[in-house]
Amino acid sequence: RCVRRAFLCGLDGLTQTNYEHRKQWLEDRVYTASTAFALDL
């Protein structure tokens, strides 16, 4: 859970909205950013 009760990943218990699809997107973005910032993941 992030600020303002906004869910980044997982299931929002209040609205029952599923945000599981964001996990893969976030992982892909981190790996893409790692090349620009010289991170070893």
PDB file of N, CA and C in Angstrom:
ATOM      1  N   ARG A   1       0.839  -1.182   0.000  1.00  0.00           N
ATOM      2  CA  ARG A   1       0.000   0.000   0.000  1.00  0.00           C
ATOM      3  C   ARG A   1       0.879   1.239   0.000  1.00  0.00           C
ATOM      4  N   CYS A   2       0.473   2.208  -0.766  1.00  0.00           N
ATOM      5  CA  CYS A   2       1.202   3.474  -0.870  1.00  0.00           C
ATOM      6  C   CYS A   2       0.422   4.575  -0.154  1.00  0.00           C
ATOM      7  N   VAL A   3       0.755   5.783  -0.432  1.00  0.00           N
ATOM      8  CA  VAL A   3       0.067   6.923   0.188  1.00  0.00           C
ATOM      9  C   VAL A   3      -1.375   7.027  -0.292  1.00  0.00           C
ATOM     10  N   ARG A   4      -2.198   7.680   0.489  1.00  0.00           N
ATOM     11  CA  ARG A   4      -3.606   7.930   0.165  1.00  0.00           C
ATOM     12  C   ARG A   4      -4.406   6.663  -0.107  1.00  0.00           C
ATOM     13  N   ARG A   5      -4.080   5.592   0.561  1.00  0.00           N
ATOM     14  CA  ARG A   5      -4.776   4.310   0.400  1.00  0.00           C
ATOM     15  C   ARG A   5      -4.766   3.810  -1.041  1.00  0.00           C
ATOM     16  N   ALA A   6      -3.793   4.205  -1.816  1.00  0.00           N
ATOM     17  CA  ALA A   6      -3.664   3.736  -3.189  1.00  0.00           C
ATOM     18  C   ALA A   6      -2.798   2.472  -3.181  1.00  0.00           C
ATOM     19  N   PHE A   7      -3.289   1.412  -3.735  1.00  0.00           N
ATOM     20  CA  PHE A   7      -2.562   0.156  -3.738  1.00  0.00           C
ATOM     21  C   PHE A   7      -1.701   0.041  -4.987  1.00  0.00           C
ATOM     22  N   LEU A   8      -0.431  -0.295  -4.788  1.00  0.00           N
ATOM     23  CA  LEU A   8       0.475  -0.474  -5.905  1.00  0.00           C
ATOM     24  C   LEU A   8       0.332  -1.887  -6.473  1.00  0.00           C
ATOM     25  N   CYS A   9       0.309  -2.870  -5.599  1.00  0.00           N
ATOM     26  CA  CYS A   9       0.180  -4.272  -5.998  1.00  0.00           C
ATOM     27  C   CYS A   9      -0.762  -4.969  -5.023  1.00  0.00           C
ATOM     28  N   GLY A  10      -1.307  -6.088  -5.446  1.00  0.00           N
ATOM     29  CA  GLY A  10      -2.151  -6.871  -4.550  1.00  0.00           C
ATOM     30  C   GLY A  10      -3.616  -6.510  -4.629  1.00  0.00           C
ATOM     31  N   LEU A  11      -4.338  -6.918  -3.604  1.00  0.00           N
ATOM     32  CA  LEU A  11      -5.786  -6.737  -3.561  1.00  0.00           C
ATOM     33  C   LEU A  11      -6.139  -5.613  -2.600  1.00  0.00           C
ATOM     34  N   ASP A  12      -6.910  -4.672  -3.075  1.00  0.00           N
ATOM     35  CA  ASP A  12      -7.420  -3.589  -2.232  1.00  0.00           C
ATOM     36  C   ASP A  12      -8.601  -4.146  -1.457  1.00  0.00           C
ATOM     37  N   GLY A  13      -8.464  -4.235  -0.157  1.00  0.00           N
ATOM     38  CA  GLY A  13      -9.506  -4.817   0.682  1.00  0.00           C
ATOM     39  C   GLY A  13     -10.783  -4.007   0.728  1.00  0.00           C
ATOM     40  N   LEU A  14     -10.689  -2.718   0.513  1.00  0.00           N
ATOM     41  CA  LEU A  14     -11.860  -1.855   0.583  1.00  0.00           C
ATOM     42  C   LEU A  14     -12.713  -1.955  -0.680  1.00  0.00           C
ATOM     43  N   THR A  15     -12.076  -1.858  -1.837  1.00  0.00           N
ATOM     44  CA  THR A  15     -12.827  -1.864  -3.099  1.00  0.00           C
ATOM     45  C   THR A  15     -12.829  -3.224  -3.788  1.00  0.00           C
ATOM     46  N   GLN A  16     -12.031  -4.171  -3.258  1.00  0.00           N
ATOM     47  CA  GLN A  16     -11.890  -5.506  -3.857  1.00  0.00           C
ATOM     48  C   GLN A  16     -11.328  -5.439  -5.281  1.00  0.00           C
ATOM     49  N   THR A  17     -10.546  -4.405  -5.572  1.00  0.00           N
ATOM     50  CA  THR A  17      -9.900  -4.274  -6.872  1.00  0.00           C
ATOM     51  C   THR A  17      -8.554  -4.977  -6.818  1.00  0.00           C
ATOM     52  N   ASN A  18      -8.254  -5.774  -7.841  1.00  0.00           N
ATOM     53  CA  ASN A  18      -7.019  -6.536  -7.889  1.00  0.00           C
ATOM     54  C   ASN A  18      -5.990  -5.793  -8.741  1.00  0.00           C
ATOM     55  N   TYR A  19      -4.825  -5.542  -8.152  1.00  0.00           N
ATOM     56  CA  TYR A  19      -3.746  -4.843  -8.848  1.00  0.00           C
ATOM     57  C   TYR A  19      -2.529  -5.749  -9.041  1.00  0.00           C
ATOM     58  N   GLU A  20      -2.731  -7.052  -9.075  1.00  0.00           N
ATOM     59  CA  GLU A  20      -1.628  -8.007  -9.219  1.00  0.00           C
ATOM     60  C   GLU A  20      -0.852  -7.815 -10.522  1.00  0.00           C
ATOM     61  N   HIS A  21      -1.508  -7.343 -11.569  1.00  0.00           N
ATOM     62  CA  HIS A  21      -0.846  -7.182 -12.861  1.00  0.00           C
ATOM     63  C   HIS A  21       0.296  -6.168 -12.793  1.00  0.00           C
ATOM     64  N   ARG A  22       0.293  -5.326 -11.805  1.00  0.00           N
ATOM     65  CA  ARG A  22       1.337  -4.308 -11.687  1.00  0.00           C
ATOM     66  C   ARG A  22       2.664  -4.867 -11.195  1.00  0.00           C
ATOM     67  N   LYS A  23       2.660  -6.034 -10.567  1.00  0.00           N
ATOM     68  CA  LYS A  23       3.902  -6.597 -10.037  1.00  0.00           C
ATOM     69  C   LYS A  23       4.909  -6.853 -11.154  1.00  0.00           C
ATOM     70  N   GLN A  24       4.479  -7.486 -12.224  1.00  0.00           N
ATOM     71  CA  GLN A  24       5.389  -7.775 -13.327  1.00  0.00           C
ATOM     72  C   GLN A  24       5.841  -6.488 -14.003  1.00  0.00           C
ATOM     73  N   TRP A  25       4.932  -5.542 -14.158  1.00  0.00           N
ATOM     74  CA  TRP A  25       5.273  -4.261 -14.765  1.00  0.00           C
ATOM     75  C   TRP A  25       6.344  -3.554 -13.937  1.00  0.00           C
ATOM     76  N   LEU A  26       6.179  -3.557 -12.619  1.00  0.00           N
ATOM     77  CA  LEU A  26       7.136  -2.900 -11.734  1.00  0.00           C
ATOM     78  C   LEU A  26       8.499  -3.586 -11.794  1.00  0.00           C
ATOM     79  N   GLU A  27       8.501  -4.905 -11.817  1.00  0.00           N
ATOM     80  CA  GLU A  27       9.760  -5.644 -11.912  1.00  0.00           C
ATOM     81  C   GLU A  27      10.477  -5.328 -13.217  1.00  0.00           C
ATOM     82  N   ASP A  28       9.744  -5.278 -14.314  1.00  0.00           N
ATOM     83  CA  ASP A  28      10.341  -4.934 -15.606  1.00  0.00           C
ATOM     84  C   ASP A  28      10.932  -3.532 -15.590  1.00  0.00           C
ATOM     85  N   ARG A  29      10.237  -2.590 -14.978  1.00  0.00           N
ATOM     86  CA  ARG A  29      10.715  -1.204 -14.910  1.00  0.00           C
ATOM     87  C   ARG A  29      11.986  -1.098 -14.064  1.00  0.00           C
ATOM     88  N   VAL A  30      12.063  -1.862 -12.982  1.00  0.00           N
ATOM     89  CA  VAL A  30      13.254  -1.831 -12.130  1.00  0.00           C
ATOM     90  C   VAL A  30      14.452  -2.375 -12.893  1.00  0.00           C
ATOM     91  N   TYR A  31      14.272  -3.455 -13.615  1.00  0.00           N
ATOM     92  CA  TYR A  31      15.375  -4.009 -14.396  1.00  0.00           C
ATOM     93  C   TYR A  31      15.798  -3.061 -15.507  1.00  0.00           C
ATOM     94  N   THR A  32      14.853  -2.382 -16.123  1.00  0.00           N
ATOM     95  CA  THR A  32      15.188  -1.405 -17.156  1.00  0.00           C
ATOM     96  C   THR A  32      15.969  -0.240 -16.550  1.00  0.00           C
ATOM     97  N   ALA A  33      15.530   0.246 -15.415  1.00  0.00           N
ATOM     98  CA  ALA A  33      16.212   1.357 -14.749  1.00  0.00           C
ATOM     99  C   ALA A  33      17.594   0.951 -14.245  1.00  0.00           C
ATOM    100  N   SER A  34      17.767  -0.312 -13.916  1.00  0.00           N
ATOM    101  CA  SER A  34      19.050  -0.759 -13.375  1.00  0.00           C
ATOM    102  C   SER A  34      20.176  -0.589 -14.389  1.00  0.00           C
ATOM    103  N   THR A  35      19.867  -0.677 -15.665  1.00  0.00           N
ATOM    104  CA  THR A  35      20.906  -0.476 -16.679  1.00  0.00           C
ATOM    105  C   THR A  35      21.331   0.985 -16.742  1.00  0.00           C
ATOM    106  N   ALA A  36      20.410   1.892 -16.507  1.00  0.00           N
ATOM    107  CA  ALA A  36      20.723   3.319 -16.555  1.00  0.00           C
ATOM    108  C   ALA A  36      21.471   3.782 -15.304  1.00  0.00           C
ATOM    109  N   PHE A  37      21.242   3.135 -14.177  1.00  0.00           N
ATOM    110  CA  PHE A  37      21.836   3.568 -12.920  1.00  0.00           C
ATOM    111  C   PHE A  37      22.932   2.628 -12.425  1.00  0.00           C
ATOM    112  N   ALA A  38      23.376   1.713 -13.263  1.00  0.00           N
ATOM    113  CA  ALA A  38      24.474   0.795 -12.949  1.00  0.00           C
ATOM    114  C   ALA A  38      24.209  -0.008 -11.678  1.00  0.00           C
ATOM    115  N   LEU A  39      23.013  -0.571 -11.557  1.00  0.00           N
ATOM    116  CA  LEU A  39      22.663  -1.432 -10.434  1.00  0.00           C
ATOM    117  C   LEU A  39      22.802  -2.882 -10.849  1.00  0.00           C
ATOM    118  N   ASP A  40      23.200  -3.727  -9.933  1.00  0.00           N
ATOM    119  CA  ASP A  40      23.305  -5.155 -10.204  1.00  0.00           C
ATOM    120  C   ASP A  40      22.180  -5.854  -9.457  1.00  0.00           C
ATOM    121  N   LEU A  41      21.200  -6.350 -10.206  1.00  0.00           N
ATOM    122  CA  LEU A  41      20.058  -7.021  -9.582  1.00  0.00           C
ATOM    123  C   LEU A  41      20.122  -8.504  -9.811  1.00  0.00           C
TER     124      LEU A  41
END
